[in-house]
Amino acid sequence: MERVRKGPRCTLYEPRLAPKDVEQLRAALQAPEVATASIWRWLEKKGADIGLDAVKRHRRRECHCRREA
């Protein structure tokens, strides 16, 4: 039986970005050649309030949204 995580949904599940930026973000998250810190810096420039640790967890598939999807 899979362990269920409690707590808020991952901030990358529904980021508050323009639709074209969401597409770019999802592509970057799937691309292993794109550094996690680069994604985080890009998110900061876009004004998203998403922490580096949240991006790391999401890329490792350890975030809460992976459990709900």
C-alpha atoms as a PDB file:
ATOM      1  CA  MET A   1       0.000   0.000   0.000  1.00  0.00           C
ATOM      2  CA  GLU A   2       1.345   3.408  -0.991  1.00  0.00           C
ATOM      3  CA  ARG A   3       1.907   5.941   1.753  1.00  0.00           C
ATOM      4  CA  VAL A   4      -0.350   8.986   1.477  1.00  0.00           C
ATOM      5  CA  ARG A   5       1.262  12.336   2.144  1.00  0.00           C
ATOM      6  CA  LYS A   6      -0.647  14.967   4.017  1.00  0.00           C
ATOM      7  CA  GLY A   7      -0.228  18.671   3.557  1.00  0.00           C
ATOM      8  CA  PRO A   8      -0.650  21.262   0.855  1.00  0.00           C
ATOM      9  CA  ARG A   9      -0.447  20.433  -2.826  1.00  0.00           C
ATOM     10  CA  CYS A  10       2.860  21.047  -4.573  1.00  0.00           C
ATOM     11  CA  THR A  11       3.223  24.667  -5.707  1.00  0.00           C
ATOM     12  CA  LEU A  12       4.237  23.448  -9.163  1.00  0.00           C
ATOM     13  CA  TYR A  13       0.970  21.534  -9.664  1.00  0.00           C
ATOM     14  CA  GLU A  14      -0.909  24.667 -10.715  1.00  0.00           C
ATOM     15  CA  PRO A  15       1.653  27.475 -10.911  1.00  0.00           C
ATOM     16  CA  ARG A  16       0.360  31.034 -11.180  1.00  0.00           C
ATOM     17  CA  LEU A  17       1.900  31.729 -14.563  1.00  0.00           C
ATOM     18  CA  ALA A  18       0.681  32.651 -18.018  1.00  0.00           C
ATOM     19  CA  PRO A  19      -0.358  29.579 -20.078  1.00  0.00           C
ATOM     20  CA  LYS A  20       2.667  29.866 -22.391  1.00  0.00           C
ATOM     21  CA  ASP A  21       4.956  30.029 -19.354  1.00  0.00           C
ATOM     22  CA  VAL A  22       3.311  26.936 -17.857  1.00  0.00           C
ATOM     23  CA  GLU A  23       4.098  25.051 -21.073  1.00  0.00           C
ATOM     24  CA  GLN A  24       7.735  26.175 -20.910  1.00  0.00           C
ATOM     25  CA  LEU A  25       7.944  25.226 -17.238  1.00  0.00           C
ATOM     26  CA  ARG A  26       6.579  21.736 -17.815  1.00  0.00           C
ATOM     27  CA  ALA A  27       9.012  21.177 -20.686  1.00  0.00           C
ATOM     28  CA  ALA A  28      11.940  22.341 -18.545  1.00  0.00           C
ATOM     29  CA  LEU A  29      10.907  20.128 -15.627  1.00  0.00           C
ATOM     30  CA  GLN A  30      10.907  17.097 -17.937  1.00  0.00           C
ATOM     31  CA  ALA A  31      14.295  17.928 -19.511  1.00  0.00           C
ATOM     32  CA  PRO A  32      17.145  16.382 -17.486  1.00  0.00           C
ATOM     33  CA  GLU A  33      19.657  18.699 -19.164  1.00  0.00           C
ATOM     34  CA  VAL A  34      18.004  21.773 -17.613  1.00  0.00           C
ATOM     35  CA  ALA A  35      19.399  22.481 -14.157  1.00  0.00           C
ATOM     36  CA  THR A  36      16.945  22.709 -11.270  1.00  0.00           C
ATOM     37  CA  ALA A  37      18.492  25.989 -10.118  1.00  0.00           C
ATOM     38  CA  SER A  38      17.974  27.421 -13.624  1.00  0.00           C
ATOM     39  CA  ILE A  39      14.290  26.547 -13.476  1.00  0.00           C
ATOM     40  CA  TRP A  40      13.996  28.164 -10.057  1.00  0.00           C
ATOM     41  CA  ARG A  41      15.745  31.357 -11.205  1.00  0.00           C
ATOM     42  CA  TRP A  42      13.426  31.500 -14.243  1.00  0.00           C
ATOM     43  CA  LEU A  43      10.415  31.142 -11.931  1.00  0.00           C
ATOM     44  CA  GLU A  44      11.721  33.998  -9.759  1.00  0.00           C
ATOM     45  CA  LYS A  45      12.057  36.224 -12.827  1.00  0.00           C
ATOM     46  CA  LYS A  46       8.452  35.403 -13.744  1.00  0.00           C
ATOM     47  CA  GLY A  47       7.339  36.468 -10.261  1.00  0.00           C
ATOM     48  CA  ALA A  48       6.319  33.000  -9.076  1.00  0.00           C
ATOM     49  CA  ASP A  49       6.626  32.464  -5.324  1.00  0.00           C
ATOM     50  CA  ILE A  50       8.041  28.931  -5.578  1.00  0.00           C
ATOM     51  CA  GLY A  51      11.055  27.841  -3.560  1.00  0.00           C
ATOM     52  CA  LEU A  52      14.081  25.944  -4.781  1.00  0.00           C
ATOM     53  CA  ASP A  53      13.273  22.995  -2.512  1.00  0.00           C
ATOM     54  CA  ALA A  54       9.802  22.723  -4.059  1.00  0.00           C
ATOM     55  CA  VAL A  55      11.342  22.488  -7.524  1.00  0.00           C
ATOM     56  CA  LYS A  56      13.817  19.852  -6.306  1.00  0.00           C
ATOM     57  CA  ARG A  57      11.060  17.740  -4.720  1.00  0.00           C
ATOM     58  CA  HIS A  58       8.901  18.013  -7.824  1.00  0.00           C
ATOM     59  CA  ARG A  59      11.723  16.887 -10.119  1.00  0.00           C
ATOM     60  CA  ARG A  60      12.510  13.941  -7.827  1.00  0.00           C
ATOM     61  CA  ARG A  61       8.806  13.028  -7.932  1.00  0.00           C
ATOM     62  CA  GLU A  62       8.580  13.326  -4.151  1.00  0.00           C
ATOM     63  CA  CYS A  63       6.033  16.111  -4.014  1.00  0.00           C
ATOM     64  CA  HIS A  64       2.441  15.901  -2.883  1.00  0.00           C
ATOM     65  CA  CYS A  65       0.957  16.463  -6.364  1.00  0.00           C
ATOM     66  CA  ARG A  66       2.517  13.231  -7.628  1.00  0.00           C
ATOM     67  CA  ARG A  67       0.482  11.313  -5.090  1.00  0.00           C
ATOM     68  CA  GLU A  68      -2.795  12.869  -6.279  1.00  0.00           C
ATOM     69  CA  ALA A  69      -2.262  12.717 -10.030  1.00  0.00           C
END
